[in-house]
Amino acid sequence: MEVRLIVVMSGFGVSEQNATESAGRAAALPKNLCTERTPGDHFRGVFPRMAAISLGGFIFLGAYDHTHSLLLEVGRNSP
């Protein structure tokens, strides 16, 4: 199975062919991010991601607590 890693550096990808060209653009990236983007652009997608992580944590911690309680009960009842 092949695992592909896609690297996106704030709006442009870096490949072997254009690494030199991308290095020059990377130097101008902070200025471009401040002038061409609004503050809302920097936080786009944060809330859906936080909701998904919270739901996953809720499920994991709920299962952990239930398993912990179950094992404590089994431990109390065993001779």
N, C-alpha and C. Protein backbone atom coordinates (compact mmCIF):
# COMPACT_ATOMS: atom_id res chain seq x y z
N MET A 1 0.85 -1.18 0.00
CA MET A 1 0.00 0.00 0.00
C MET A 1 0.89 1.24 0.00
N GLU A 2 0.58 2.13 -0.86
CA GLU A 2 1.37 3.34 -0.99
C GLU A 2 0.72 4.46 -0.19
N VAL A 3 1.51 5.11 0.61
CA VAL A 3 1.01 6.23 1.39
C VAL A 3 1.58 7.50 0.79
N ARG A 4 0.70 8.40 0.43
CA ARG A 4 1.15 9.66 -0.17
C ARG A 4 1.02 10.77 0.84
N LEU A 5 2.04 11.58 0.92
CA LEU A 5 2.02 12.73 1.79
C LEU A 5 1.92 13.97 0.93
N ILE A 6 0.86 14.71 1.13
CA ILE A 6 0.65 15.94 0.36
C ILE A 6 0.98 17.11 1.27
N VAL A 7 1.93 17.88 0.85
CA VAL A 7 2.37 19.02 1.63
C VAL A 7 1.88 20.28 0.95
N VAL A 8 1.13 21.08 1.67
CA VAL A 8 0.66 22.34 1.14
C VAL A 8 1.17 23.43 2.07
N MET A 9 1.94 24.34 1.50
CA MET A 9 2.50 25.42 2.30
C MET A 9 1.73 26.69 2.00
N SER A 10 0.69 26.91 2.76
CA SER A 10 -0.09 28.15 2.70
C SER A 10 -0.44 28.59 1.30
N GLY A 11 -0.99 27.70 0.53
CA GLY A 11 -1.50 28.10 -0.77
C GLY A 11 -0.69 27.64 -1.97
N PHE A 12 0.52 27.13 -1.79
CA PHE A 12 1.24 26.60 -2.93
C PHE A 12 2.01 25.36 -2.51
N GLY A 13 2.07 24.38 -3.40
CA GLY A 13 2.77 23.13 -3.12
C GLY A 13 4.21 23.23 -3.56
N VAL A 14 5.07 22.49 -2.91
CA VAL A 14 6.48 22.48 -3.26
C VAL A 14 6.79 21.11 -3.85
N SER A 15 7.28 21.08 -5.07
CA SER A 15 7.69 19.83 -5.70
C SER A 15 9.16 19.93 -6.03
N GLU A 16 9.72 18.81 -6.47
CA GLU A 16 11.15 18.81 -6.80
C GLU A 16 11.45 19.71 -8.00
N GLN A 17 10.52 19.80 -8.93
CA GLN A 17 10.76 20.57 -10.15
C GLN A 17 10.84 22.07 -9.88
N ASN A 18 10.00 22.57 -9.01
CA ASN A 18 9.97 24.01 -8.79
C ASN A 18 10.43 24.39 -7.38
N ALA A 19 11.34 23.61 -6.80
CA ALA A 19 11.80 23.88 -5.44
C ALA A 19 12.54 25.21 -5.36
N THR A 20 13.36 25.52 -6.34
CA THR A 20 14.11 26.77 -6.33
C THR A 20 13.16 27.95 -6.47
N GLU A 21 12.22 27.83 -7.38
CA GLU A 21 11.24 28.90 -7.59
C GLU A 21 10.37 29.08 -6.34
N SER A 22 10.00 27.99 -5.71
CA SER A 22 9.15 28.05 -4.52
C SER A 22 9.89 28.66 -3.34
N ALA A 23 11.20 28.44 -3.28
CA ALA A 23 11.98 29.01 -2.18
C ALA A 23 11.93 30.53 -2.23
N GLY A 24 11.96 31.10 -3.44
CA GLY A 24 11.86 32.55 -3.57
C GLY A 24 10.49 33.06 -3.17
N ARG A 25 9.45 32.28 -3.52
CA ARG A 25 8.10 32.68 -3.13
C ARG A 25 7.87 32.51 -1.64
N ALA A 26 8.56 31.56 -1.01
CA ALA A 26 8.39 31.33 0.42
C ALA A 26 8.87 32.53 1.23
N ALA A 27 9.88 33.23 0.72
CA ALA A 27 10.38 34.40 1.43
C ALA A 27 9.34 35.52 1.47
N ALA A 28 8.53 35.62 0.43
CA ALA A 28 7.51 36.67 0.37
C ALA A 28 6.18 36.23 0.97
N LEU A 29 6.10 35.01 1.44
CA LEU A 29 4.84 34.47 1.93
C LEU A 29 4.26 35.22 3.13
N PRO A 30 5.03 35.55 4.17
CA PRO A 30 4.42 36.27 5.31
C PRO A 30 3.80 37.60 4.91
N LYS A 31 4.45 38.34 4.03
CA LYS A 31 3.91 39.62 3.58
C LYS A 31 2.61 39.40 2.81
N ASN A 32 2.60 38.39 1.92
CA ASN A 32 1.40 38.11 1.15
C ASN A 32 0.24 37.65 2.04
N LEU A 33 0.54 36.87 3.05
CA LEU A 33 -0.52 36.40 3.94
C LEU A 33 -1.17 37.55 4.70
N CYS A 34 -0.37 38.54 5.08
CA CYS A 34 -0.91 39.67 5.83
C CYS A 34 -1.67 40.64 4.94
N THR A 35 -1.25 40.80 3.70
CA THR A 35 -1.88 41.81 2.85
C THR A 35 -3.02 41.27 2.00
N GLU A 36 -2.92 40.02 1.55
CA GLU A 36 -3.92 39.49 0.63
C GLU A 36 -5.02 38.69 1.31
N ARG A 37 -4.83 38.32 2.55
CA ARG A 37 -5.80 37.49 3.24
C ARG A 37 -6.44 38.27 4.39
N THR A 38 -7.69 37.96 4.67
CA THR A 38 -8.36 38.57 5.82
C THR A 38 -8.16 37.67 7.04
N PRO A 39 -8.37 38.20 8.23
CA PRO A 39 -8.22 37.34 9.42
C PRO A 39 -9.15 36.12 9.39
N GLY A 40 -10.32 36.27 8.78
CA GLY A 40 -11.23 35.13 8.68
C GLY A 40 -10.69 34.01 7.82
N ASP A 41 -9.86 34.35 6.83
CA ASP A 41 -9.26 33.32 5.97
C ASP A 41 -8.31 32.42 6.75
N HIS A 42 -7.65 32.97 7.74
CA HIS A 42 -6.70 32.19 8.52
C HIS A 42 -7.38 31.17 9.41
N PHE A 43 -8.63 31.41 9.78
CA PHE A 43 -9.35 30.52 10.69
C PHE A 43 -10.43 29.72 9.98
N ARG A 44 -10.47 29.75 8.66
CA ARG A 44 -11.48 29.01 7.91
C ARG A 44 -11.30 27.52 8.16
N GLY A 45 -12.36 26.84 8.54
CA GLY A 45 -12.32 25.41 8.77
C GLY A 45 -11.95 25.01 10.18
N VAL A 46 -11.71 25.98 11.06
CA VAL A 46 -11.31 25.66 12.42
C VAL A 46 -12.47 25.04 13.20
N PHE A 47 -13.65 25.60 13.08
CA PHE A 47 -14.77 25.13 13.89
C PHE A 47 -15.24 23.73 13.50
N PRO A 48 -15.35 23.38 12.21
CA PRO A 48 -15.69 21.98 11.91
C PRO A 48 -14.64 21.00 12.41
N ARG A 49 -13.37 21.39 12.31
CA ARG A 49 -12.30 20.53 12.79
C ARG A 49 -12.37 20.37 14.31
N MET A 50 -12.64 21.46 15.01
CA MET A 50 -12.77 21.38 16.46
C MET A 50 -13.96 20.52 16.86
N ALA A 51 -15.05 20.63 16.12
CA ALA A 51 -16.24 19.82 16.41
C ALA A 51 -15.93 18.34 16.22
N ALA A 52 -15.22 17.99 15.17
CA ALA A 52 -14.89 16.59 14.92
C ALA A 52 -13.96 16.05 16.00
N ILE A 53 -12.97 16.85 16.40
CA ILE A 53 -12.05 16.41 17.45
C ILE A 53 -12.78 16.26 18.78
N SER A 54 -13.70 17.18 19.07
CA SER A 54 -14.46 17.10 20.31
C SER A 54 -15.34 15.87 20.34
N LEU A 55 -15.98 15.56 19.21
CA LEU A 55 -16.82 14.37 19.14
C LEU A 55 -15.98 13.11 19.33
N GLY A 56 -14.82 13.07 18.71
CA GLY A 56 -13.94 11.92 18.88
C GLY A 56 -13.48 11.77 20.32
N GLY A 57 -13.15 12.88 20.97
CA GLY A 57 -12.75 12.84 22.37
C GLY A 57 -13.89 12.39 23.27
N PHE A 58 -15.10 12.85 22.96
CA PHE A 58 -16.28 12.45 23.73
C PHE A 58 -16.49 10.94 23.65
N ILE A 59 -16.38 10.40 22.45
CA ILE A 59 -16.56 8.95 22.27
C ILE A 59 -15.44 8.17 22.96
N PHE A 60 -14.19 8.61 22.76
CA PHE A 60 -13.06 7.90 23.35
C PHE A 60 -13.11 7.93 24.88
N LEU A 61 -13.31 9.12 25.44
CA LEU A 61 -13.30 9.22 26.90
C LEU A 61 -14.51 8.53 27.51
N GLY A 62 -15.66 8.56 26.82
CA GLY A 62 -16.83 7.83 27.30
C GLY A 62 -16.58 6.33 27.33
N ALA A 63 -15.98 5.81 26.26
CA ALA A 63 -15.66 4.38 26.22
C ALA A 63 -14.62 4.03 27.28
N TYR A 64 -13.65 4.91 27.46
CA TYR A 64 -12.61 4.67 28.48
C TYR A 64 -13.23 4.62 29.87
N ASP A 65 -14.09 5.57 30.19
CA ASP A 65 -14.72 5.61 31.51
C ASP A 65 -15.60 4.39 31.74
N HIS A 66 -16.36 4.00 30.70
CA HIS A 66 -17.23 2.83 30.83
C HIS A 66 -16.39 1.57 31.06
N THR A 67 -15.29 1.41 30.31
CA THR A 67 -14.42 0.25 30.47
C THR A 67 -13.77 0.24 31.85
N HIS A 68 -13.34 1.39 32.31
CA HIS A 68 -12.73 1.50 33.63
C HIS A 68 -13.71 1.10 34.72
N SER A 69 -14.94 1.59 34.63
CA SER A 69 -15.96 1.23 35.63
C SER A 69 -16.28 -0.26 35.57
N LEU A 70 -16.36 -0.81 34.37
CA LEU A 70 -16.64 -2.23 34.21
C LEU A 70 -15.54 -3.09 34.81
N LEU A 71 -14.29 -2.72 34.56
CA LEU A 71 -13.18 -3.49 35.11
C LEU A 71 -13.10 -3.37 36.63
N LEU A 72 -13.42 -2.22 37.17
CA LEU A 72 -13.45 -2.08 38.63
C LEU A 72 -14.52 -2.97 39.24
N GLU A 73 -15.67 -3.03 38.61
CA GLU A 73 -16.76 -3.87 39.09
C GLU A 73 -16.38 -5.36 39.02
N VAL A 74 -15.74 -5.76 37.93
CA VAL A 74 -15.31 -7.15 37.78
C VAL A 74 -14.27 -7.47 38.83
N GLY A 75 -13.37 -6.54 39.13
CA GLY A 75 -12.35 -6.74 40.14
C GLY A 75 -12.93 -6.89 41.53
N ARG A 76 -13.98 -6.19 41.83
CA ARG A 76 -14.63 -6.27 43.15
C ARG A 76 -15.36 -7.60 43.32
N ASN A 77 -15.91 -8.13 42.24
CA ASN A 77 -16.70 -9.35 42.31
C ASN A 77 -15.86 -10.62 42.21
N SER A 78 -14.62 -10.52 41.81
CA SER A 78 -13.80 -11.74 41.68
C SER A 78 -13.23 -12.11 43.05
N PRO A 79 -13.06 -13.42 43.29
CA PRO A 79 -12.56 -13.87 44.61
C PRO A 79 -11.11 -13.60 44.83
